Amino acid sequence: MRTPTTFLPARRTLRRAERRIRRRPVLVVATLALGLVATAGFTTAAPASEASASGSLTNFALASYSAPLTADIAGADAPGTADQAVTAATSAMTTASTVTSDIAASGLDIGTPDTTVDTAELQTAVEQLQRAQTLPAMYTSDFTDAVTTLTASVSEEAAGLRGKLDAAVALKAQQEAEEKARQEAEAAAAAKAAEAATAKKKKSSGSSSSSAAPAPSYAASGTSAGEAQATARAMIAGYGWGDDQFSCLVSLWNRESGWRYNAGNASGAYGIPQALPGSKMASAGADWATNPATQIAWGLGYISGRYGTPCGAWGHSQSTGWY
């Protein structure tokens, strides 16, 4: 049998082993003494037995004595337990290394500055256990216990880091989903606003086109102020305006031209509505220079598009002197 001096265990383990040895001397000595006595008895009795029996007792003595002593001292089940401890420790160290690598690769803040698990002590304990497996079971049990304890500690730390990493990953996914939803909502709102603006613009264009007054279907009116006003009164009904608006219109164009179709001034304004320049009124008809109805049609369209109503134009003229 090998002696403990063939391996240099940790001091704590050595002290434990020494205490176990001091507790077991009587058992060891008694076992060895019993073995010696039995061996001597069988050896001495062999001649007498040979005289009375035809078989030898040598094989019988070896089979009945050596097996129990070997099992008791060597501990046949110990290697399996130690191997399991080494396997578990190796797995724990691999797990710890993996979670550290995963944290680094993620680039996430997991809420702790230390993202590594110290496995140096466990690695040393595993190496000691592997060397101690050449010793009897009474010496390897302490090393096995140490490896098992350190394995549990490393596994617990690795699991804690893995949990923090999983939480950080879940938080990032939630934030990305919320940001995506926000961007989609903003895009949808912008699209809706653009659609509404386009519809409003189309409506306004249609309204402007209609409010610009269609080409006059009226016969050329007389050139007097009264006749021009009568023509205007008939036209405003197409805009949905009533007598109140007509009253504002009369006041407005009385100030501008006195309802004269050929009124002009030094700035180039011309006609009943005093278009500047007068040629603008060509959009209402080629006879804009001589036909009061053409001038009135253009003037009503201008007022509708810019001020909404004759009273709106009159109010602006009152405050500024022009419209």
C-alpha atoms as a PDB file:
ATOM      1  CA  MET A   1       0.000   0.000   0.000  1.00  0.00           C
ATOM      2  CA  ARG A   2       1.286   3.583  -0.908  1.00  0.00           C
ATOM      3  CA  THR A   3       1.996   5.992   1.918  1.00  0.00           C
ATOM      4  CA  PRO A   4       0.715   9.586   2.104  1.00  0.00           C
ATOM      5  CA  THR A   5       4.238  10.888   1.424  1.00  0.00           C
ATOM      6  CA  THR A   6       3.803  10.134  -2.291  1.00  0.00           C
ATOM      7  CA  PHE A   7       1.540  13.275  -2.625  1.00  0.00           C
ATOM      8  CA  LEU A   8       1.616  16.734  -1.077  1.00  0.00           C
ATOM      9  CA  PRO A   9      -1.997  17.718  -0.344  1.00  0.00           C
ATOM     10  CA  ALA A  10      -3.177  21.097   0.913  1.00  0.00           C
ATOM     11  CA  ARG A  11      -2.373  21.763   4.545  1.00  0.00           C
ATOM     12  CA  ARG A  12      -5.970  21.651   5.657  1.00  0.00           C
ATOM     13  CA  THR A  13      -6.563  18.372   3.880  1.00  0.00           C
ATOM     14  CA  LEU A  14      -3.345  16.931   5.307  1.00  0.00           C
ATOM     15  CA  ARG A  15      -4.371  17.856   8.843  1.00  0.00           C
ATOM     16  CA  ARG A  16      -7.774  16.216   8.318  1.00  0.00           C
ATOM     17  CA  ALA A  17      -6.102  13.075   6.985  1.00  0.00           C
ATOM     18  CA  GLU A  18      -3.712  12.959   9.948  1.00  0.00           C
ATOM     19  CA  ARG A  19      -6.580  13.202  12.390  1.00  0.00           C
ATOM     20  CA  ARG A  20      -8.329  10.326  10.608  1.00  0.00           C
ATOM     21  CA  ILE A  21      -5.160   8.235  10.777  1.00  0.00           C
ATOM     22  CA  ARG A  22      -4.838   8.868  14.534  1.00  0.00           C
ATOM     23  CA  ARG A  23      -8.421   7.707  15.016  1.00  0.00           C
ATOM     24  CA  ARG A  24      -7.919   4.511  13.019  1.00  0.00           C
ATOM     25  CA  PRO A  25      -4.612   2.938  14.282  1.00  0.00           C
ATOM     26  CA  VAL A  26      -6.327   0.299  16.392  1.00  0.00           C
ATOM     27  CA  LEU A  27      -8.539  -0.800  13.496  1.00  0.00           C
ATOM     28  CA  VAL A  28      -5.609  -0.931  11.066  1.00  0.00           C
ATOM     29  CA  VAL A  29      -3.313  -2.795  13.505  1.00  0.00           C
ATOM     30  CA  ALA A  30      -6.044  -5.228  14.457  1.00  0.00           C
ATOM     31  CA  THR A  31      -6.829  -5.892  10.823  1.00  0.00           C
ATOM     32  CA  LEU A  32      -3.189  -6.479   9.972  1.00  0.00           C
ATOM     33  CA  ALA A  33      -2.671  -8.671  13.056  1.00  0.00           C
ATOM     34  CA  LEU A  34      -5.702 -10.738  12.199  1.00  0.00           C
ATOM     35  CA  GLY A  35      -4.331 -11.174   8.723  1.00  0.00           C
ATOM     36  CA  LEU A  36      -0.957 -12.307  10.006  1.00  0.00           C
ATOM     37  CA  VAL A  37      -2.453 -14.764  12.501  1.00  0.00           C
ATOM     38  CA  ALA A  38      -4.749 -16.198   9.883  1.00  0.00           C
ATOM     39  CA  THR A  39      -1.913 -16.552   7.433  1.00  0.00           C
ATOM     40  CA  ALA A  40       0.310 -18.231  10.049  1.00  0.00           C
ATOM     41  CA  GLY A  41      -2.496 -20.565  11.149  1.00  0.00           C
ATOM     42  CA  PHE A  42      -3.212 -21.680   7.628  1.00  0.00           C
ATOM     43  CA  THR A  43       0.462 -22.146   6.891  1.00  0.00           C
ATOM     44  CA  THR A  44       1.061 -24.228  10.056  1.00  0.00           C
ATOM     45  CA  ALA A  45      -2.016 -26.332   9.558  1.00  0.00           C
ATOM     46  CA  ALA A  46      -1.188 -27.141   5.992  1.00  0.00           C
ATOM     47  CA  PRO A  47       0.944 -30.286   6.642  1.00  0.00           C
ATOM     48  CA  ALA A  48      -1.647 -31.851   8.941  1.00  0.00           C
ATOM     49  CA  SER A  49      -4.366 -31.081   6.509  1.00  0.00           C
ATOM     50  CA  GLU A  50      -2.380 -32.576   3.677  1.00  0.00           C
ATOM     51  CA  ALA A  51      -2.089 -35.893   5.662  1.00  0.00           C
ATOM     52  CA  SER A  52      -5.811 -36.089   6.119  1.00  0.00           C
ATOM     53  CA  ALA A  53      -7.037 -34.575   2.891  1.00  0.00           C
ATOM     54  CA  SER A  54      -6.048 -34.907  -0.704  1.00  0.00           C
ATOM     55  CA  GLY A  55      -6.439 -31.087  -1.692  1.00  0.00           C
ATOM     56  CA  SER A  56      -4.188 -28.082  -0.916  1.00  0.00           C
ATOM     57  CA  LEU A  57      -5.450 -25.161   1.237  1.00  0.00           C
ATOM     58  CA  THR A  58      -3.262 -22.471  -0.360  1.00  0.00           C
ATOM     59  CA  ASN A  59      -5.886 -21.193  -2.780  1.00  0.00           C
ATOM     60  CA  PHE A  60      -8.536 -21.260  -0.091  1.00  0.00           C
ATOM     61  CA  ALA A  61      -6.497 -19.057   2.270  1.00  0.00           C
ATOM     62  CA  LEU A  62      -5.843 -16.397  -0.390  1.00  0.00           C
ATOM     63  CA  ALA A  63      -9.443 -16.202  -1.565  1.00  0.00           C
ATOM     64  CA  SER A  64     -10.977 -15.954   1.906  1.00  0.00           C
ATOM     65  CA  TYR A  65      -8.551 -13.372   3.304  1.00  0.00           C
ATOM     66  CA  SER A  66      -7.332 -10.951   0.668  1.00  0.00           C
ATOM     67  CA  ALA A  67     -10.627  -9.726  -0.836  1.00  0.00           C
ATOM     68  CA  PRO A  68     -12.206  -8.158   2.311  1.00  0.00           C
ATOM     69  CA  LEU A  69      -8.964  -6.390   3.306  1.00  0.00           C
ATOM     70  CA  THR A  70      -8.497  -4.868  -0.159  1.00  0.00           C
ATOM     71  CA  ALA A  71     -12.048  -3.578  -0.310  1.00  0.00           C
ATOM     72  CA  ASP A  72     -11.823  -2.013   3.139  1.00  0.00           C
ATOM     73  CA  ILE A  73      -8.528  -0.231   2.651  1.00  0.00           C
ATOM     74  CA  ALA A  74      -8.705   0.869  -1.005  1.00  0.00           C
ATOM     75  CA  GLY A  75     -12.363   1.972  -1.134  1.00  0.00           C
ATOM     76  CA  ALA A  76     -13.457   0.595  -4.495  1.00  0.00           C
ATOM     77  CA  ASP A  77     -16.357   3.078  -4.875  1.00  0.00           C
ATOM     78  CA  ALA A  78     -14.217   6.213  -4.325  1.00  0.00           C
ATOM     79  CA  PRO A  79     -12.902   6.686  -7.881  1.00  0.00           C
ATOM     80  CA  GLY A  80     -16.410   6.913  -9.310  1.00  0.00           C
ATOM     81  CA  THR A  81     -17.385   9.682  -6.882  1.00  0.00           C
ATOM     82  CA  ALA A  82     -14.216  11.622  -7.597  1.00  0.00           C
ATOM     83  CA  ASP A  83     -14.721  11.326 -11.350  1.00  0.00           C
ATOM     84  CA  GLN A  84     -18.241  12.682 -11.033  1.00  0.00           C
ATOM     85  CA  ALA A  85     -16.961  15.645  -9.034  1.00  0.00           C
ATOM     86  CA  VAL A  86     -14.315  16.389 -11.684  1.00  0.00           C
ATOM     87  CA  THR A  87     -16.904  16.178 -14.476  1.00  0.00           C
ATOM     88  CA  ALA A  88     -19.275  18.539 -12.671  1.00  0.00           C
ATOM     89  CA  ALA A  89     -16.440  20.978 -11.955  1.00  0.00           C
ATOM     90  CA  THR A  90     -15.331  21.007 -15.592  1.00  0.00           C
ATOM     91  CA  SER A  91     -18.896  21.708 -16.717  1.00  0.00           C
ATOM     92  CA  ALA A  92     -19.247  24.561 -14.201  1.00  0.00           C
ATOM     93  CA  MET A  93     -16.011  26.191 -15.376  1.00  0.00           C
ATOM     94  CA  THR A  94     -17.108  25.917 -18.996  1.00  0.00           C
ATOM     95  CA  THR A  95     -20.456  27.509 -18.146  1.00  0.00           C
ATOM     96  CA  ALA A  96     -18.728  30.358 -16.315  1.00  0.00           C
ATOM     97  CA  SER A  97     -16.428  31.032 -19.278  1.00  0.00           C
ATOM     98  CA  THR A  98     -19.358  30.944 -21.707  1.00  0.00           C
ATOM     99  CA  VAL A  99     -21.500  33.450 -19.827  1.00  0.00           C
ATOM    100  CA  THR A 100     -18.544  35.846 -19.574  1.00  0.00           C
ATOM    101  CA  SER A 101     -18.022  35.621 -23.348  1.00  0.00           C
ATOM    102  CA  ASP A 102     -21.747  36.127 -24.009  1.00  0.00           C
ATOM    103  CA  ILE A 103     -21.824  39.275 -21.872  1.00  0.00           C
ATOM    104  CA  ALA A 104     -18.828  40.719 -23.697  1.00  0.00           C
ATOM    105  CA  ALA A 105     -20.338  39.900 -27.098  1.00  0.00           C
ATOM    106  CA  SER A 106     -23.688  41.506 -26.227  1.00  0.00           C
ATOM    107  CA  GLY A 107     -22.132  44.846 -25.309  1.00  0.00           C
ATOM    108  CA  LEU A 108     -24.934  45.363 -22.786  1.00  0.00           C
ATOM    109  CA  ASP A 109     -24.768  46.843 -19.311  1.00  0.00           C
ATOM    110  CA  ILE A 110     -25.958  44.088 -16.998  1.00  0.00           C
ATOM    111  CA  GLY A 111     -25.800  46.238 -13.890  1.00  0.00           C
ATOM    112  CA  THR A 112     -22.506  44.995 -12.453  1.00  0.00           C
ATOM    113  CA  PRO A 113     -18.890  45.898 -13.310  1.00  0.00           C
ATOM    114  CA  ASP A 114     -17.587  42.387 -12.641  1.00  0.00           C
ATOM    115  CA  THR A 115     -18.730  40.069 -15.416  1.00  0.00           C
ATOM    116  CA  THR A 116     -16.285  37.212 -14.773  1.00  0.00           C
ATOM    117  CA  VAL A 117     -16.333  34.214 -12.451  1.00  0.00           C
ATOM    118  CA  ASP A 118     -13.076  33.333 -10.699  1.00  0.00           C
ATOM    119  CA  THR A 119     -12.497  29.617 -11.315  1.00  0.00           C
ATOM    120  CA  ALA A 120      -8.805  29.485 -10.354  1.00  0.00           C
ATOM    121  CA  GLU A 121      -9.449  27.953  -6.934  1.00  0.00           C
ATOM    122  CA  LEU A 122     -11.763  25.331  -8.405  1.00  0.00           C
ATOM    123  CA  GLN A 123      -9.194  24.467 -11.099  1.00  0.00           C
ATOM    124  CA  THR A 124      -6.527  23.962  -8.431  1.00  0.00           C
ATOM    125  CA  ALA A 125      -8.864  21.783  -6.370  1.00  0.00           C
ATOM    126  CA  VAL A 126      -9.630  19.630  -9.413  1.00  0.00           C
ATOM    127  CA  GLU A 127      -5.936  19.101 -10.107  1.00  0.00           C
ATOM    128  CA  GLN A 128      -5.353  18.104  -6.480  1.00  0.00           C
ATOM    129  CA  LEU A 129      -8.253  15.656  -6.598  1.00  0.00           C
ATOM    130  CA  GLN A 130      -6.989  14.091  -9.806  1.00  0.00           C
ATOM    131  CA  ARG A 131      -3.573  13.528  -8.250  1.00  0.00           C
ATOM    132  CA  ALA A 132      -5.110  12.260  -5.009  1.00  0.00           C
ATOM    133  CA  GLN A 133      -7.065   9.541  -6.807  1.00  0.00           C
ATOM    134  CA  THR A 134      -3.985   7.330  -6.479  1.00  0.00           C
ATOM    135  CA  LEU A 135      -4.440   7.390  -2.683  1.00  0.00           C
ATOM    136  CA  PRO A 136      -6.881   5.385  -0.551  1.00  0.00           C
ATOM    137  CA  ALA A 137     -10.467   6.618  -0.250  1.00  0.00           C
ATOM    138  CA  MET A 138      -9.875   8.044   3.237  1.00  0.00           C
ATOM    139  CA  TYR A 139      -7.613  10.702   1.664  1.00  0.00           C
ATOM    140  CA  THR A 140      -9.577  11.508  -1.508  1.00  0.00           C
ATOM    141  CA  SER A 141     -12.864  12.232   0.236  1.00  0.00           C
ATOM    142  CA  ASP A 142     -11.681  15.640   1.529  1.00  0.00           C
ATOM    143  CA  PHE A 143     -10.496  16.637  -1.944  1.00  0.00           C
ATOM    144  CA  THR A 144     -13.806  15.493  -3.439  1.00  0.00           C
ATOM    145  CA  ASP A 145     -15.767  17.535  -0.908  1.00  0.00           C
ATOM    146  CA  ALA A 146     -13.658  20.617  -1.657  1.00  0.00           C
ATOM    147  CA  VAL A 147     -14.246  20.289  -5.407  1.00  0.00           C
ATOM    148  CA  THR A 148     -17.986  19.782  -4.886  1.00  0.00           C
ATOM    149  CA  THR A 149     -18.258  22.872  -2.671  1.00  0.00           C
ATOM    150  CA  LEU A 150     -16.293  25.096  -5.065  1.00  0.00           C
ATOM    151  CA  THR A 151     -18.288  23.765  -8.027  1.00  0.00           C
ATOM    152  CA  ALA A 152     -21.536  24.831  -6.369  1.00  0.00           C
ATOM    153  CA  SER A 153     -20.123  28.323  -5.728  1.00  0.00           C
ATOM    154  CA  VAL A 154     -18.921  28.772  -9.327  1.00  0.00           C
ATOM    155  CA  SER A 155     -22.238  27.493 -10.703  1.00  0.00           C
ATOM    156  CA  GLU A 156     -24.172  29.919  -8.518  1.00  0.00           C
ATOM    157  CA  GLU A 157     -22.103  32.920  -9.678  1.00  0.00           C
ATOM    158  CA  ALA A 158     -22.410  31.899 -13.334  1.00  0.00           C
ATOM    159  CA  ALA A 159     -26.179  31.491 -12.977  1.00  0.00           C
ATOM    160  CA  GLY A 160     -26.424  34.962 -11.425  1.00  0.00           C
ATOM    161  CA  LEU A 161     -24.552  36.549 -14.338  1.00  0.00           C
ATOM    162  CA  ARG A 162     -26.663  34.619 -16.852  1.00  0.00           C
ATOM    163  CA  GLY A 163     -29.832  35.901 -15.206  1.00  0.00           C
ATOM    164  CA  LYS A 164     -28.607  39.514 -15.375  1.00  0.00           C
ATOM    165  CA  LEU A 165     -27.637  39.090 -19.032  1.00  0.00           C
ATOM    166  CA  ASP A 166     -31.044  37.633 -19.896  1.00  0.00           C
ATOM    167  CA  ALA A 167     -32.738  40.559 -18.147  1.00  0.00           C
ATOM    168  CA  ALA A 168     -30.593  43.080 -20.058  1.00  0.00           C
ATOM    169  CA  VAL A 169     -31.369  41.370 -23.360  1.00  0.00           C
ATOM    170  CA  ALA A 170     -35.101  41.401 -22.602  1.00  0.00           C
ATOM    171  CA  LEU A 171     -34.975  45.099 -21.662  1.00  0.00           C
ATOM    172  CA  LYS A 172     -33.163  45.970 -24.900  1.00  0.00           C
ATOM    173  CA  ALA A 173     -35.733  44.034 -26.940  1.00  0.00           C
ATOM    174  CA  GLN A 174     -38.559  45.893 -25.178  1.00  0.00           C
ATOM    175  CA  GLN A 175     -36.933  49.278 -25.796  1.00  0.00           C
ATOM    176  CA  GLU A 176     -36.367  48.475 -29.473  1.00  0.00           C
ATOM    177  CA  ALA A 177     -39.983  47.377 -29.845  1.00  0.00           C
ATOM    178  CA  GLU A 178     -41.220  50.580 -28.189  1.00  0.00           C
ATOM    179  CA  GLU A 179     -38.977  52.730 -30.405  1.00  0.00           C
ATOM    180  CA  LYS A 180     -40.175  50.917 -33.512  1.00  0.00           C
ATOM    181  CA  ALA A 181     -43.792  51.420 -32.483  1.00  0.00           C
ATOM    182  CA  ARG A 182     -43.125  55.113 -31.844  1.00  0.00           C
ATOM    183  CA  GLN A 183     -41.513  55.580 -35.267  1.00  0.00           C
ATOM    184  CA  GLU A 184     -44.352  53.742 -36.972  1.00  0.00           C
ATOM    185  CA  ALA A 185     -46.906  55.886 -35.145  1.00  0.00           C
ATOM    186  CA  GLU A 186     -45.084  59.067 -36.142  1.00  0.00           C
ATOM    187  CA  ALA A 187     -44.850  57.904 -39.751  1.00  0.00           C
ATOM    188  CA  ALA A 188     -48.563  57.077 -39.787  1.00  0.00           C
ATOM    189  CA  ALA A 189     -49.430  60.458 -38.282  1.00  0.00           C
ATOM    190  CA  ALA A 190     -47.237  62.245 -40.826  1.00  0.00           C
ATOM    191  CA  ALA A 191     -48.827  60.319 -43.682  1.00  0.00           C
ATOM    192  CA  LYS A 192     -52.292  61.124 -42.385  1.00  0.00           C
ATOM    193  CA  ALA A 193     -51.419  64.807 -42.032  1.00  0.00           C
ATOM    194  CA  ALA A 194     -49.999  64.882 -45.565  1.00  0.00           C
ATOM    195  CA  GLU A 195     -53.121  63.204 -46.880  1.00  0.00           C
ATOM    196  CA  ALA A 196     -55.313  65.716 -45.083  1.00  0.00           C
ATOM    197  CA  ALA A 197     -53.218  68.609 -46.401  1.00  0.00           C
ATOM    198  CA  THR A 198     -53.467  67.266 -49.944  1.00  0.00           C
ATOM    199  CA  ALA A 199     -57.233  66.875 -49.649  1.00  0.00           C
ATOM    200  CA  LYS A 200     -57.540  70.368 -48.244  1.00  0.00           C
ATOM    201  CA  LYS A 201     -55.393  71.754 -51.023  1.00  0.00           C
ATOM    202  CA  LYS A 202     -57.488  70.011 -53.654  1.00  0.00           C
ATOM    203  CA  LYS A 203     -60.655  71.277 -52.039  1.00  0.00           C
ATOM    204  CA  SER A 204     -59.225  74.770 -51.840  1.00  0.00           C
ATOM    205  CA  SER A 205     -58.137  74.619 -55.486  1.00  0.00           C
ATOM    206  CA  GLY A 206     -61.582  73.431 -56.494  1.00  0.00           C
ATOM    207  CA  SER A 207     -63.173  76.121 -54.389  1.00  0.00           C
ATOM    208  CA  SER A 208     -60.858  78.750 -55.822  1.00  0.00           C
ATOM    209  CA  SER A 209     -61.602  77.605 -59.327  1.00  0.00           C
ATOM    210  CA  SER A 210     -65.302  77.795 -58.725  1.00  0.00           C
ATOM    211  CA  SER A 211     -65.061  81.008 -56.713  1.00  0.00           C
ATOM    212  CA  ALA A 212     -62.949  82.610 -59.401  1.00  0.00           C
ATOM    213  CA  ALA A 213     -66.306  82.781 -61.123  1.00  0.00           C
ATOM    214  CA  PRO A 214     -66.911  81.011 -64.377  1.00  0.00           C
ATOM    215  CA  ALA A 215     -66.552  82.938 -67.596  1.00  0.00           C
ATOM    216  CA  PRO A 216     -69.391  85.425 -67.580  1.00  0.00           C
ATOM    217  CA  SER A 217     -72.469  84.262 -69.432  1.00  0.00           C
ATOM    218  CA  TYR A 218     -73.968  87.669 -69.117  1.00  0.00           C
ATOM    219  CA  ALA A 219     -74.550  90.055 -71.958  1.00  0.00           C
ATOM    220  CA  ALA A 220     -72.444  93.174 -71.948  1.00  0.00           C
ATOM    221  CA  SER A 221     -73.952  95.496 -69.416  1.00  0.00           C
ATOM    222  CA  GLY A 222     -74.455  99.125 -69.677  1.00  0.00           C
ATOM    223  CA  THR A 223     -71.693 101.447 -68.773  1.00  0.00           C
ATOM    224  CA  SER A 224     -73.470 103.382 -66.083  1.00  0.00           C
ATOM    225  CA  ALA A 225     -72.739 102.769 -62.415  1.00  0.00           C
ATOM    226  CA  GLY A 226     -76.329 101.683 -61.787  1.00  0.00           C
ATOM    227  CA  GLU A 227     -76.252  99.124 -64.575  1.00  0.00           C
ATOM    228  CA  ALA A 228     -72.890  97.776 -63.382  1.00  0.00           C
ATOM    229  CA  GLN A 229     -74.251  97.382 -59.841  1.00  0.00           C
ATOM    230  CA  ALA A 230     -77.278  95.521 -61.155  1.00  0.00           C
ATOM    231  CA  THR A 231     -74.974  93.120 -62.982  1.00  0.00           C
ATOM    232  CA  ALA A 232     -72.912  92.605 -59.799  1.00  0.00           C
ATOM    233  CA  ARG A 233     -76.020  91.962 -57.708  1.00  0.00           C
ATOM    234  CA  ALA A 234     -77.037  89.188 -60.066  1.00  0.00           C
ATOM    235  CA  MET A 235     -73.578  87.627 -59.973  1.00  0.00           C
ATOM    236  CA  ILE A 236     -73.063  87.435 -56.210  1.00  0.00           C
ATOM    237  CA  ALA A 237     -75.896  84.938 -55.864  1.00  0.00           C
ATOM    238  CA  GLY A 238     -73.557  82.378 -57.445  1.00  0.00           C
ATOM    239  CA  TYR A 239     -71.209  82.771 -54.447  1.00  0.00           C
ATOM    240  CA  GLY A 240     -73.997  82.371 -51.911  1.00  0.00           C
ATOM    241  CA  TRP A 241     -73.754  85.995 -50.765  1.00  0.00           C
ATOM    242  CA  GLY A 242     -76.759  88.015 -49.697  1.00  0.00           C
ATOM    243  CA  ASP A 243     -77.711  91.677 -49.536  1.00  0.00           C
ATOM    244  CA  ASP A 244     -75.318  92.400 -46.685  1.00  0.00           C
ATOM    245  CA  GLN A 245     -72.376  91.343 -48.810  1.00  0.00           C
ATOM    246  CA  PHE A 246     -73.688  93.310 -51.775  1.00  0.00           C
ATOM    247  CA  SER A 247     -73.830  96.418 -49.598  1.00  0.00           C
ATOM    248  CA  CYS A 248     -70.142  95.959 -48.689  1.00  0.00           C
ATOM    249  CA  LEU A 249     -69.307  95.442 -52.378  1.00  0.00           C
ATOM    250  CA  VAL A 250     -71.069  98.675 -53.368  1.00  0.00           C
ATOM    251  CA  SER A 251     -69.124 100.609 -50.735  1.00  0.00           C
ATOM    252  CA  LEU A 252     -65.830  98.996 -51.724  1.00  0.00           C
ATOM    253  CA  TRP A 253     -66.029  99.715 -55.448  1.00  0.00           C
ATOM    254  CA  ASN A 254     -67.552 103.151 -54.910  1.00  0.00           C
ATOM    255  CA  ARG A 255     -64.261 104.010 -53.172  1.00  0.00           C
ATOM    256  CA  GLU A 256     -62.079 102.291 -55.747  1.00  0.00           C
ATOM    257  CA  SER A 257     -63.640 103.390 -59.073  1.00  0.00           C
ATOM    258  CA  GLY A 258     -67.112 104.818 -58.583  1.00  0.00           C
ATOM    259  CA  TRP A 259     -68.240 101.711 -60.540  1.00  0.00           C
ATOM    260  CA  ARG A 260     -66.800 103.129 -63.775  1.00  0.00           C
ATOM    261  CA  TYR A 261     -65.500 100.470 -66.183  1.00  0.00           C
ATOM    262  CA  ASN A 262     -62.787 102.786 -67.561  1.00  0.00           C
ATOM    263  CA  ALA A 263     -61.498 104.181 -64.255  1.00  0.00           C
ATOM    264  CA  GLY A 264     -57.709 104.203 -64.020  1.00  0.00           C
ATOM    265  CA  ASN A 265     -54.897 105.766 -62.002  1.00  0.00           C
ATOM    266  CA  ALA A 266     -51.207 106.513 -62.311  1.00  0.00           C
ATOM    267  CA  SER A 267     -50.160 103.191 -60.738  1.00  0.00           C
ATOM    268  CA  GLY A 268     -51.732 101.225 -63.588  1.00  0.00           C
ATOM    269  CA  ALA A 269     -54.853 100.027 -61.771  1.00  0.00           C
ATOM    270  CA  TYR A 270     -57.881  99.865 -64.075  1.00  0.00           C
ATOM    271  CA  GLY A 271     -61.575  99.186 -64.208  1.00  0.00           C
ATOM    272  CA  ILE A 272     -64.358  98.807 -61.669  1.00  0.00           C
ATOM    273  CA  PRO A 273     -62.359  96.534 -59.329  1.00  0.00           C
ATOM    274  CA  GLN A 274     -59.124  98.505 -59.997  1.00  0.00           C
ATOM    275  CA  ALA A 275     -57.079  95.472 -61.026  1.00  0.00           C
ATOM    276  CA  LEU A 276     -53.332  96.153 -60.957  1.00  0.00           C
ATOM    277  CA  PRO A 277     -52.394  95.891 -63.705  1.00  0.00           C
ATOM    278  CA  GLY A 278     -55.666  95.942 -65.553  1.00  0.00           C
ATOM    279  CA  SER A 279     -54.531  93.187 -67.902  1.00  0.00           C
ATOM    280  CA  LYS A 280     -55.040  90.666 -65.076  1.00  0.00           C
ATOM    281  CA  MET A 281     -58.711  90.780 -65.934  1.00  0.00           C
ATOM    282  CA  ALA A 282     -58.004  89.091 -69.273  1.00  0.00           C
ATOM    283  CA  SER A 283     -58.395  85.788 -67.413  1.00  0.00           C
ATOM    284  CA  ALA A 284     -62.118  86.599 -67.208  1.00  0.00           C
ATOM    285  CA  GLY A 285     -62.535  87.684 -70.800  1.00  0.00           C
ATOM    286  CA  ALA A 286     -60.792  89.307 -73.734  1.00  0.00           C
ATOM    287  CA  ASP A 287     -63.090  92.316 -73.516  1.00  0.00           C
ATOM    288  CA  TRP A 288     -61.877  93.188 -70.010  1.00  0.00           C
ATOM    289  CA  ALA A 289     -61.040  96.754 -70.968  1.00  0.00           C
ATOM    290  CA  THR A 290     -64.565  97.701 -72.083  1.00  0.00           C
ATOM    291  CA  ASN A 291     -67.049  95.249 -70.569  1.00  0.00           C
ATOM    292  CA  PRO A 292     -68.170  95.978 -66.956  1.00  0.00           C
ATOM    293  CA  ALA A 293     -69.530  92.396 -66.604  1.00  0.00           C
ATOM    294  CA  THR A 294     -66.083  90.911 -67.367  1.00  0.00           C
ATOM    295  CA  GLN A 295     -64.476  93.261 -64.850  1.00  0.00           C
ATOM    296  CA  ILE A 296     -67.069  92.471 -62.186  1.00  0.00           C
ATOM    297  CA  ALA A 297     -66.683  88.715 -62.737  1.00  0.00           C
ATOM    298  CA  TRP A 298     -62.916  88.977 -62.262  1.00  0.00           C
ATOM    299  CA  GLY A 299     -63.285  91.264 -59.240  1.00  0.00           C
ATOM    300  CA  LEU A 300     -65.717  88.937 -57.448  1.00  0.00           C
ATOM    301  CA  GLY A 301     -63.358  85.986 -58.003  1.00  0.00           C
ATOM    302  CA  TYR A 302     -60.433  87.996 -56.615  1.00  0.00           C
ATOM    303  CA  ILE A 303     -62.379  89.006 -53.504  1.00  0.00           C
ATOM    304  CA  SER A 304     -63.558  85.432 -52.866  1.00  0.00           C
ATOM    305  CA  GLY A 305     -60.083  83.968 -53.213  1.00  0.00           C
ATOM    306  CA  ARG A 306     -58.282  86.556 -51.093  1.00  0.00           C
ATOM    307  CA  TYR A 307     -60.790  87.808 -48.513  1.00  0.00           C
ATOM    308  CA  GLY A 308     -63.617  85.296 -48.631  1.00  0.00           C
ATOM    309  CA  THR A 309     -66.395  87.828 -48.866  1.00  0.00           C
ATOM    310  CA  PRO A 310     -66.953  91.437 -50.004  1.00  0.00           C
ATOM    311  CA  CYS A 311     -67.346  92.484 -46.369  1.00  0.00           C
ATOM    312  CA  GLY A 312     -63.940  90.944 -45.663  1.00  0.00           C
ATOM    313  CA  ALA A 313     -62.400  92.977 -48.469  1.00  0.00           C
ATOM    314  CA  TRP A 314     -64.230  96.126 -47.333  1.00  0.00           C
ATOM    315  CA  GLY A 315     -62.961  95.714 -43.773  1.00  0.00           C
ATOM    316  CA  HIS A 316     -59.389  95.421 -45.020  1.00  0.00           C
ATOM    317  CA  SER A 317     -59.839  98.493 -47.216  1.00  0.00           C
ATOM    318  CA  GLN A 318     -61.228 100.441 -44.265  1.00  0.00           C
ATOM    319  CA  SER A 319     -58.121  99.685 -42.163  1.00  0.00           C
ATOM    320  CA  THR A 320     -55.439 100.003 -44.841  1.00  0.00           C
ATOM    321  CA  GLY A 321     -56.944 102.059 -47.658  1.00  0.00           C
ATOM    322  CA  TRP A 322     -56.547  99.288 -50.208  1.00  0.00           C
ATOM    323  CA  TYR A 323     -57.651  95.706 -50.798  1.00  0.00           C
END
